[in-house]
Amino acid sequence: TTADGRLVVSPLTGTFASFGEGELFAQISAWNRERGLGRVLPSSGGITLADGAIKGPDAAFISHQRITALAPKRKKRAFEQIAPDAVFELLSPTDRLPYTVAKCKEYVETGSGVAVLLDPRNRGVTLFRVGGRQTVLRDDRLVPIGDEMPGFVLDVRAVFEACEQL
C-alpha cells in the first residue's frame, strides 16, 4: 500500500528475474551469515515505512541495532514499522522504472540508509542516499554498498547473469 492507503498490486516476478532475486538474496545472506550483523529480508517479506506505506523490497538488510530499537510495548504487526539499513530493488520486465525509482526514494526518505536499484536491461546500478544523492554506475562488476553493510560488495554481474534468459 502507499502512504495514502492506495493498494498497489504488483504482478509476479518472471522466472529469470526471480533467479536474479535469488542470487541477490544469496549474496546478502552469505555476507550476513559471516558477519552476523542483523537479518535479511527476502522478496516475500514486507515492512511498514514511517509514512505508513507497506512495501515489499526484493531484498533488504536490517541491522540488529534497528531491530532492538523497536519499542518493546509497540503494537506488533505482521509488517513491522522499520526502515532497513539497506534495501534492494531488482527491475524485472514487469516493473515500471518511474514507480521503482519513486519506491527507492521513499525508502531513503523514510529512514533507510541506502536503496539500491539494479537494472539488468541497462546493466546499471543506482544507489539512492539521504539528501537526494544518487550514484549511477554502469557495467561495474563489484559494487561496495557502504557503511550500511560494512564489508559487503555486491557482485552485480552475477545478479545480472542470473536474470539472463538462455
N, C-alpha and C. Protein backbone atom coordinates (compact mmCIF):
# COMPACT_ATOMS: atom_id res chain seq x y z
N THR A 1 0.84 -1.18 0.00
CA THR A 1 0.00 0.00 0.00
C THR A 1 0.88 1.24 0.00
N THR A 2 0.29 2.33 -0.46
CA THR A 2 1.01 3.59 -0.47
C THR A 2 0.77 4.31 0.85
N ALA A 3 1.48 5.41 1.08
CA ALA A 3 1.33 6.17 2.32
C ALA A 3 -0.10 6.69 2.48
N ASP A 4 -0.80 6.95 1.36
CA ASP A 4 -2.17 7.44 1.45
C ASP A 4 -3.21 6.32 1.42
N GLY A 5 -2.75 5.06 1.53
CA GLY A 5 -3.66 3.93 1.67
C GLY A 5 -4.09 3.25 0.39
N ARG A 6 -3.60 3.70 -0.76
CA ARG A 6 -3.95 3.04 -2.01
C ARG A 6 -3.24 1.69 -2.11
N LEU A 7 -3.95 0.71 -2.62
CA LEU A 7 -3.38 -0.62 -2.81
C LEU A 7 -2.73 -0.68 -4.19
N VAL A 8 -1.45 -1.07 -4.22
CA VAL A 8 -0.73 -1.24 -5.48
C VAL A 8 -0.48 -2.73 -5.63
N VAL A 9 -0.99 -3.29 -6.72
CA VAL A 9 -0.82 -4.72 -6.96
C VAL A 9 0.32 -4.90 -7.96
N SER A 10 1.30 -5.68 -7.57
CA SER A 10 2.43 -5.96 -8.45
C SER A 10 2.28 -7.38 -8.98
N PRO A 11 2.51 -7.55 -10.27
CA PRO A 11 2.42 -8.90 -10.82
C PRO A 11 3.57 -9.76 -10.30
N LEU A 12 3.42 -11.06 -10.43
CA LEU A 12 4.50 -11.96 -10.06
C LEU A 12 5.75 -11.62 -10.86
N THR A 13 6.89 -11.87 -10.26
CA THR A 13 8.16 -11.68 -10.96
C THR A 13 8.36 -12.84 -11.91
N GLY A 14 8.88 -12.56 -13.09
CA GLY A 14 9.12 -13.61 -14.07
C GLY A 14 10.19 -14.59 -13.61
N THR A 15 10.28 -15.69 -14.29
CA THR A 15 11.19 -16.77 -13.92
C THR A 15 12.63 -16.30 -13.82
N PHE A 16 13.15 -15.66 -14.86
CA PHE A 16 14.56 -15.27 -14.86
C PHE A 16 14.84 -14.12 -13.91
N ALA A 17 13.89 -13.19 -13.77
CA ALA A 17 14.05 -12.13 -12.77
C ALA A 17 14.09 -12.74 -11.37
N SER A 18 13.33 -13.80 -11.16
CA SER A 18 13.35 -14.49 -9.85
C SER A 18 14.70 -15.14 -9.60
N PHE A 19 15.34 -15.66 -10.66
CA PHE A 19 16.69 -16.20 -10.50
C PHE A 19 17.62 -15.09 -10.01
N GLY A 20 17.46 -13.88 -10.56
CA GLY A 20 18.27 -12.74 -10.13
C GLY A 20 18.01 -12.36 -8.69
N GLU A 21 16.73 -12.37 -8.28
CA GLU A 21 16.39 -12.09 -6.89
C GLU A 21 17.02 -13.12 -5.96
N GLY A 22 17.00 -14.38 -6.39
CA GLY A 22 17.61 -15.44 -5.59
C GLY A 22 19.10 -15.22 -5.40
N GLU A 23 19.78 -14.84 -6.47
CA GLU A 23 21.22 -14.56 -6.40
C GLU A 23 21.48 -13.37 -5.48
N LEU A 24 20.68 -12.33 -5.60
CA LEU A 24 20.82 -11.15 -4.75
C LEU A 24 20.67 -11.53 -3.27
N PHE A 25 19.60 -12.25 -2.96
CA PHE A 25 19.35 -12.67 -1.58
C PHE A 25 20.47 -13.57 -1.07
N ALA A 26 20.96 -14.48 -1.92
CA ALA A 26 22.02 -15.40 -1.51
C ALA A 26 23.29 -14.63 -1.14
N GLN A 27 23.65 -13.63 -1.92
CA GLN A 27 24.85 -12.85 -1.61
C GLN A 27 24.72 -12.10 -0.29
N ILE A 28 23.58 -11.48 -0.08
CA ILE A 28 23.37 -10.72 1.16
C ILE A 28 23.34 -11.67 2.35
N SER A 29 22.68 -12.80 2.19
CA SER A 29 22.59 -13.79 3.27
C SER A 29 23.95 -14.36 3.64
N ALA A 30 24.77 -14.66 2.63
CA ALA A 30 26.10 -15.21 2.90
C ALA A 30 26.95 -14.19 3.66
N TRP A 31 26.89 -12.93 3.24
CA TRP A 31 27.63 -11.87 3.94
C TRP A 31 27.16 -11.76 5.39
N ASN A 32 25.84 -11.77 5.59
CA ASN A 32 25.31 -11.62 6.94
C ASN A 32 25.60 -12.85 7.80
N ARG A 33 25.56 -14.03 7.21
CA ARG A 33 25.88 -15.24 7.97
C ARG A 33 27.31 -15.16 8.50
N GLU A 34 28.20 -14.64 7.69
CA GLU A 34 29.60 -14.50 8.07
C GLU A 34 29.80 -13.42 9.14
N ARG A 35 29.08 -12.33 9.04
CA ARG A 35 29.26 -11.18 9.93
C ARG A 35 28.29 -11.15 11.11
N GLY A 36 27.09 -11.68 10.92
CA GLY A 36 26.10 -11.71 11.99
C GLY A 36 25.65 -10.35 12.47
N LEU A 37 25.45 -9.42 11.54
CA LEU A 37 25.13 -8.04 11.92
C LEU A 37 23.64 -7.72 11.98
N GLY A 38 22.80 -8.64 11.52
CA GLY A 38 21.37 -8.34 11.52
C GLY A 38 20.58 -9.45 10.89
N ARG A 39 19.54 -9.06 10.17
CA ARG A 39 18.66 -10.01 9.48
C ARG A 39 18.48 -9.59 8.04
N VAL A 40 18.19 -10.57 7.19
CA VAL A 40 18.00 -10.32 5.77
C VAL A 40 16.55 -10.64 5.42
N LEU A 41 15.91 -9.72 4.75
CA LEU A 41 14.51 -9.86 4.35
C LEU A 41 14.45 -10.31 2.89
N PRO A 42 13.73 -11.41 2.60
CA PRO A 42 13.60 -11.84 1.20
C PRO A 42 12.47 -11.08 0.50
N SER A 43 12.30 -11.34 -0.79
CA SER A 43 11.30 -10.63 -1.57
C SER A 43 9.86 -10.92 -1.14
N SER A 44 9.65 -12.00 -0.42
CA SER A 44 8.29 -12.32 0.04
C SER A 44 7.92 -11.58 1.33
N GLY A 45 8.88 -10.86 1.93
CA GLY A 45 8.63 -10.15 3.18
C GLY A 45 8.21 -8.72 2.95
N GLY A 46 7.50 -8.18 3.91
CA GLY A 46 7.06 -6.79 3.81
C GLY A 46 7.37 -6.02 5.07
N ILE A 47 7.45 -4.70 4.93
CA ILE A 47 7.68 -3.81 6.06
C ILE A 47 6.76 -2.60 5.93
N THR A 48 6.50 -1.96 7.06
CA THR A 48 5.76 -0.71 7.05
C THR A 48 6.77 0.42 7.20
N LEU A 49 6.68 1.39 6.30
CA LEU A 49 7.58 2.54 6.36
C LEU A 49 7.03 3.58 7.32
N ALA A 50 7.85 4.55 7.67
CA ALA A 50 7.45 5.60 8.62
C ALA A 50 6.26 6.40 8.12
N ASP A 51 6.06 6.46 6.80
CA ASP A 51 4.93 7.22 6.25
C ASP A 51 3.65 6.37 6.19
N GLY A 52 3.72 5.12 6.67
CA GLY A 52 2.55 4.24 6.70
C GLY A 52 2.43 3.31 5.50
N ALA A 53 3.24 3.52 4.48
CA ALA A 53 3.20 2.64 3.31
C ALA A 53 3.75 1.26 3.67
N ILE A 54 3.18 0.24 3.09
CA ILE A 54 3.68 -1.12 3.26
C ILE A 54 4.35 -1.51 1.96
N LYS A 55 5.62 -1.89 2.05
CA LYS A 55 6.41 -2.21 0.86
C LYS A 55 7.04 -3.59 1.00
N GLY A 56 7.30 -4.20 -0.12
CA GLY A 56 7.98 -5.49 -0.17
C GLY A 56 9.18 -5.38 -1.09
N PRO A 57 10.33 -5.01 -0.56
CA PRO A 57 11.53 -4.90 -1.41
C PRO A 57 11.97 -6.28 -1.89
N ASP A 58 12.80 -6.30 -2.93
CA ASP A 58 13.31 -7.57 -3.42
C ASP A 58 14.26 -8.22 -2.42
N ALA A 59 14.95 -7.40 -1.64
CA ALA A 59 15.80 -7.88 -0.54
C ALA A 59 16.10 -6.67 0.33
N ALA A 60 16.38 -6.92 1.60
CA ALA A 60 16.75 -5.83 2.50
C ALA A 60 17.60 -6.39 3.63
N PHE A 61 18.46 -5.52 4.14
CA PHE A 61 19.25 -5.85 5.33
C PHE A 61 18.81 -4.92 6.45
N ILE A 62 18.52 -5.52 7.61
CA ILE A 62 18.12 -4.75 8.79
C ILE A 62 19.06 -5.14 9.92
N SER A 63 19.79 -4.15 10.43
CA SER A 63 20.79 -4.40 11.47
C SER A 63 20.13 -4.75 12.81
N HIS A 64 20.91 -5.43 13.64
CA HIS A 64 20.44 -5.75 14.99
C HIS A 64 20.09 -4.47 15.74
N GLN A 65 20.84 -3.39 15.52
CA GLN A 65 20.56 -2.12 16.21
C GLN A 65 19.16 -1.62 15.89
N ARG A 66 18.77 -1.69 14.64
CA ARG A 66 17.43 -1.22 14.26
C ARG A 66 16.35 -2.16 14.81
N ILE A 67 16.63 -3.44 14.81
CA ILE A 67 15.65 -4.40 15.32
C ILE A 67 15.46 -4.22 16.83
N THR A 68 16.57 -4.10 17.56
CA THR A 68 16.45 -3.94 19.02
C THR A 68 15.92 -2.57 19.41
N ALA A 69 15.95 -1.60 18.50
CA ALA A 69 15.41 -0.27 18.79
C ALA A 69 13.89 -0.24 18.70
N LEU A 70 13.29 -1.31 18.17
CA LEU A 70 11.82 -1.36 18.15
C LEU A 70 11.31 -1.31 19.58
N ALA A 71 10.32 -0.49 19.83
CA ALA A 71 9.77 -0.35 21.18
C ALA A 71 9.17 -1.67 21.64
N PRO A 72 9.57 -2.14 22.84
CA PRO A 72 9.04 -3.44 23.31
C PRO A 72 7.52 -3.44 23.48
N LYS A 73 6.94 -2.29 23.78
CA LYS A 73 5.49 -2.23 24.00
C LYS A 73 4.74 -1.74 22.77
N ARG A 74 5.41 -1.78 21.62
CA ARG A 74 4.77 -1.34 20.39
C ARG A 74 3.62 -2.28 20.04
N LYS A 75 2.75 -1.79 19.18
CA LYS A 75 1.71 -2.65 18.63
C LYS A 75 2.38 -3.53 17.58
N LYS A 76 2.52 -4.79 17.91
CA LYS A 76 3.18 -5.71 16.98
C LYS A 76 2.25 -5.97 15.81
N ARG A 77 2.83 -5.98 14.61
CA ARG A 77 2.04 -6.18 13.40
C ARG A 77 2.77 -7.12 12.46
N ALA A 78 2.04 -7.64 11.51
CA ALA A 78 2.63 -8.56 10.54
C ALA A 78 3.76 -7.88 9.78
N PHE A 79 3.54 -6.62 9.42
CA PHE A 79 4.54 -5.86 8.68
C PHE A 79 5.07 -4.78 9.62
N GLU A 80 6.15 -5.11 10.33
CA GLU A 80 6.71 -4.19 11.32
C GLU A 80 7.08 -2.85 10.70
N GLN A 81 6.93 -1.80 11.49
CA GLN A 81 7.36 -0.47 11.04
C GLN A 81 8.84 -0.34 11.35
N ILE A 82 9.64 -0.47 10.29
CA ILE A 82 11.09 -0.42 10.44
C ILE A 82 11.71 -0.02 9.10
N ALA A 83 12.74 0.77 9.18
CA ALA A 83 13.47 1.18 7.97
C ALA A 83 14.71 0.30 7.85
N PRO A 84 14.84 -0.45 6.78
CA PRO A 84 16.05 -1.25 6.59
C PRO A 84 17.28 -0.36 6.48
N ASP A 85 18.42 -0.88 6.88
CA ASP A 85 19.67 -0.17 6.67
C ASP A 85 19.94 -0.05 5.17
N ALA A 86 19.71 -1.14 4.46
CA ALA A 86 19.92 -1.17 3.02
C ALA A 86 18.77 -1.95 2.39
N VAL A 87 18.25 -1.42 1.30
CA VAL A 87 17.14 -2.06 0.60
C VAL A 87 17.52 -2.19 -0.87
N PHE A 88 17.08 -3.29 -1.49
CA PHE A 88 17.46 -3.61 -2.86
C PHE A 88 16.22 -3.84 -3.71
N GLU A 89 16.21 -3.23 -4.88
CA GLU A 89 15.15 -3.44 -5.87
C GLU A 89 15.81 -3.86 -7.17
N LEU A 90 15.35 -4.97 -7.72
CA LEU A 90 15.85 -5.50 -8.98
C LEU A 90 14.74 -5.35 -10.02
N LEU A 91 14.97 -4.53 -11.03
CA LEU A 91 13.95 -4.32 -12.07
C LEU A 91 13.70 -5.61 -12.83
N SER A 92 12.44 -6.00 -12.88
CA SER A 92 12.06 -7.15 -13.70
C SER A 92 11.35 -6.61 -14.93
N PRO A 93 11.12 -7.45 -15.93
CA PRO A 93 10.44 -6.97 -17.14
C PRO A 93 9.05 -6.39 -16.88
N THR A 94 8.42 -6.77 -15.78
CA THR A 94 7.08 -6.26 -15.48
C THR A 94 7.10 -4.99 -14.64
N ASP A 95 8.27 -4.57 -14.15
CA ASP A 95 8.36 -3.36 -13.31
C ASP A 95 8.36 -2.11 -14.18
N ARG A 96 7.78 -1.05 -13.63
CA ARG A 96 7.83 0.27 -14.26
C ARG A 96 8.94 1.07 -13.59
N LEU A 97 9.89 1.54 -14.37
CA LEU A 97 11.04 2.27 -13.84
C LEU A 97 10.64 3.46 -12.97
N PRO A 98 9.74 4.35 -13.42
CA PRO A 98 9.41 5.52 -12.58
C PRO A 98 8.86 5.11 -11.20
N TYR A 99 8.02 4.07 -11.16
CA TYR A 99 7.48 3.61 -9.89
C TYR A 99 8.59 3.07 -8.99
N THR A 100 9.51 2.29 -9.56
CA THR A 100 10.58 1.70 -8.76
C THR A 100 11.56 2.76 -8.27
N VAL A 101 11.84 3.76 -9.08
CA VAL A 101 12.69 4.88 -8.64
C VAL A 101 12.02 5.61 -7.48
N ALA A 102 10.72 5.88 -7.61
CA ALA A 102 9.98 6.56 -6.53
C ALA A 102 10.01 5.72 -5.26
N LYS A 103 9.90 4.41 -5.40
CA LYS A 103 9.94 3.50 -4.26
C LYS A 103 11.31 3.59 -3.57
N CYS A 104 12.39 3.60 -4.34
CA CYS A 104 13.74 3.72 -3.77
C CYS A 104 13.91 5.04 -3.02
N LYS A 105 13.40 6.11 -3.60
CA LYS A 105 13.48 7.42 -2.93
C LYS A 105 12.68 7.40 -1.64
N GLU A 106 11.52 6.75 -1.65
CA GLU A 106 10.68 6.67 -0.46
C GLU A 106 11.39 5.90 0.66
N TYR A 107 12.09 4.83 0.32
CA TYR A 107 12.83 4.08 1.33
C TYR A 107 13.81 5.00 2.07
N VAL A 108 14.55 5.78 1.30
CA VAL A 108 15.56 6.66 1.90
C VAL A 108 14.90 7.79 2.68
N GLU A 109 13.83 8.36 2.12
CA GLU A 109 13.12 9.45 2.80
C GLU A 109 12.49 9.00 4.12
N THR A 110 12.23 7.71 4.27
CA THR A 110 11.60 7.21 5.49
C THR A 110 12.59 6.50 6.42
N GLY A 111 13.90 6.71 6.19
CA GLY A 111 14.87 6.25 7.16
C GLY A 111 15.89 5.22 6.74
N SER A 112 15.77 4.64 5.56
CA SER A 112 16.79 3.68 5.12
C SER A 112 18.07 4.43 4.76
N GLY A 113 19.20 3.79 5.02
CA GLY A 113 20.48 4.41 4.72
C GLY A 113 20.79 4.45 3.24
N VAL A 114 20.42 3.40 2.53
CA VAL A 114 20.68 3.33 1.09
C VAL A 114 19.62 2.44 0.44
N ALA A 115 19.21 2.84 -0.75
CA ALA A 115 18.35 2.00 -1.59
C ALA A 115 19.13 1.74 -2.87
N VAL A 116 19.20 0.48 -3.25
CA VAL A 116 19.99 0.06 -4.41
C VAL A 116 19.05 -0.45 -5.49
N LEU A 117 19.07 0.21 -6.65
CA LEU A 117 18.24 -0.19 -7.77
C LEU A 117 19.13 -0.84 -8.82
N LEU A 118 18.84 -2.10 -9.14
CA LEU A 118 19.60 -2.84 -10.15
C LEU A 118 18.75 -2.96 -11.41
N ASP A 119 19.31 -2.57 -12.54
CA ASP A 119 18.61 -2.60 -13.81
C ASP A 119 19.35 -3.52 -14.77
N PRO A 120 18.92 -4.79 -14.87
CA PRO A 120 19.61 -5.75 -15.73
C PRO A 120 19.58 -5.37 -17.21
N ARG A 121 18.52 -4.70 -17.66
CA ARG A 121 18.42 -4.34 -19.08
C ARG A 121 19.54 -3.40 -19.50
N ASN A 122 19.85 -2.44 -18.63
CA ASN A 122 20.89 -1.45 -18.94
C ASN A 122 22.20 -1.73 -18.22
N ARG A 123 22.22 -2.83 -17.46
CA ARG A 123 23.39 -3.22 -16.68
C ARG A 123 23.87 -2.07 -15.80
N GLY A 124 22.89 -1.42 -15.19
CA GLY A 124 23.20 -0.28 -14.34
C GLY A 124 22.74 -0.48 -12.90
N VAL A 125 23.40 0.24 -12.01
CA VAL A 125 23.06 0.23 -10.59
C VAL A 125 22.98 1.68 -10.14
N THR A 126 21.91 2.02 -9.43
CA THR A 126 21.78 3.35 -8.86
C THR A 126 21.65 3.20 -7.35
N LEU A 127 22.50 3.93 -6.63
CA LEU A 127 22.43 3.97 -5.17
C LEU A 127 21.79 5.29 -4.77
N PHE A 128 20.68 5.20 -4.03
CA PHE A 128 19.96 6.38 -3.54
C PHE A 128 20.34 6.57 -2.08
N ARG A 129 20.67 7.82 -1.71
CA ARG A 129 21.06 8.12 -0.34
C ARG A 129 20.34 9.37 0.15
N VAL A 130 20.44 9.61 1.44
CA VAL A 130 19.80 10.77 2.08
C VAL A 130 20.20 12.05 1.35
N GLY A 131 19.25 12.98 1.29
CA GLY A 131 19.51 14.26 0.66
C GLY A 131 19.37 14.22 -0.85
N GLY A 132 18.79 13.14 -1.39
CA GLY A 132 18.58 13.05 -2.82
C GLY A 132 19.82 12.68 -3.62
N ARG A 133 20.90 12.33 -2.91
CA ARG A 133 22.13 11.96 -3.62
C ARG A 133 21.93 10.62 -4.33
N GLN A 134 22.37 10.58 -5.57
CA GLN A 134 22.30 9.35 -6.35
C GLN A 134 23.65 9.08 -6.99
N THR A 135 24.06 7.83 -6.92
CA THR A 135 25.28 7.41 -7.61
C THR A 135 24.85 6.39 -8.66
N VAL A 136 25.16 6.67 -9.92
CA VAL A 136 24.79 5.79 -11.01
C VAL A 136 26.06 5.11 -11.53
N LEU A 137 26.02 3.79 -11.59
CA LEU A 137 27.15 3.00 -12.08
C LEU A 137 26.69 2.17 -13.27
N ARG A 138 27.54 2.04 -14.26
CA ARG A 138 27.23 1.22 -15.43
C ARG A 138 28.35 0.21 -15.64
N ASP A 139 27.94 -1.02 -15.89
CA ASP A 139 28.88 -2.09 -16.22
C ASP A 139 29.93 -2.36 -15.15
N ASP A 140 29.64 -2.01 -13.89
CA ASP A 140 30.55 -2.35 -12.80
C ASP A 140 30.26 -3.78 -12.38
N ARG A 141 31.29 -4.54 -12.14
CA ARG A 141 31.09 -5.92 -11.69
C ARG A 141 30.82 -5.97 -10.20
N LEU A 142 31.62 -5.23 -9.43
CA LEU A 142 31.53 -5.26 -7.98
C LEU A 142 31.16 -3.87 -7.46
N VAL A 143 30.15 -3.82 -6.59
CA VAL A 143 29.69 -2.54 -6.05
C VAL A 143 29.67 -2.61 -4.52
N PRO A 144 30.58 -1.87 -3.86
CA PRO A 144 30.52 -1.80 -2.39
C PRO A 144 29.31 -0.96 -2.00
N ILE A 145 28.54 -1.44 -1.03
CA ILE A 145 27.32 -0.74 -0.65
C ILE A 145 27.61 0.41 0.30
N GLY A 146 28.56 0.23 1.21
CA GLY A 146 28.91 1.33 2.12
C GLY A 146 28.75 0.96 3.57
N ASP A 147 28.74 1.99 4.41
CA ASP A 147 28.70 1.80 5.86
C ASP A 147 27.46 1.07 6.35
N GLU A 148 26.39 1.09 5.58
CA GLU A 148 25.16 0.40 5.99
C GLU A 148 25.36 -1.12 6.05
N MET A 149 26.32 -1.62 5.25
CA MET A 149 26.63 -3.04 5.21
C MET A 149 28.14 -3.18 5.14
N PRO A 150 28.83 -3.01 6.28
CA PRO A 150 30.30 -2.99 6.29
C PRO A 150 30.91 -4.23 5.64
N GLY A 151 31.77 -3.98 4.65
CA GLY A 151 32.48 -5.07 4.00
C GLY A 151 31.69 -5.79 2.92
N PHE A 152 30.42 -5.42 2.72
CA PHE A 152 29.63 -6.10 1.69
C PHE A 152 29.90 -5.47 0.33
N VAL A 153 30.23 -6.32 -0.62
CA VAL A 153 30.44 -5.90 -2.00
C VAL A 153 29.51 -6.75 -2.86
N LEU A 154 28.59 -6.10 -3.53
CA LEU A 154 27.61 -6.80 -4.36
C LEU A 154 28.23 -7.20 -5.69
N ASP A 155 28.14 -8.47 -6.01
CA ASP A 155 28.60 -8.96 -7.31
C ASP A 155 27.44 -8.77 -8.29
N VAL A 156 27.39 -7.58 -8.86
CA VAL A 156 26.31 -7.19 -9.74
C VAL A 156 26.25 -8.07 -10.98
N ARG A 157 27.39 -8.40 -11.54
CA ARG A 157 27.41 -9.22 -12.75
C ARG A 157 26.72 -10.57 -12.49
N ALA A 158 26.95 -11.17 -11.34
CA ALA A 158 26.31 -12.45 -11.03
C ALA A 158 24.79 -12.31 -10.97
N VAL A 159 24.31 -11.19 -10.41
CA VAL A 159 22.85 -10.95 -10.36
C VAL A 159 22.31 -10.78 -11.77
N PHE A 160 22.97 -9.96 -12.58
CA PHE A 160 22.51 -9.73 -13.94
C PHE A 160 22.57 -11.01 -14.77
N GLU A 161 23.61 -11.80 -14.62
CA GLU A 161 23.73 -13.05 -15.37
C GLU A 161 22.63 -14.02 -14.98
N ALA A 162 22.23 -14.02 -13.70
CA ALA A 162 21.15 -14.89 -13.26
C ALA A 162 19.81 -14.49 -13.91
N CYS A 163 19.69 -13.21 -14.27
CA CYS A 163 18.45 -12.72 -14.90
C CYS A 163 18.38 -13.02 -16.39
N GLU A 164 19.51 -13.35 -16.99
CA GLU A 164 19.57 -13.52 -18.44
C GLU A 164 18.83 -14.77 -18.88
N GLN A 165 18.03 -14.62 -19.91
CA GLN A 165 17.34 -15.78 -20.48
C GLN A 165 18.30 -16.56 -21.37
N LEU A 166 18.28 -17.84 -21.23
CA LEU A 166 19.18 -18.70 -22.01
C LEU A 166 18.67 -18.92 -23.41
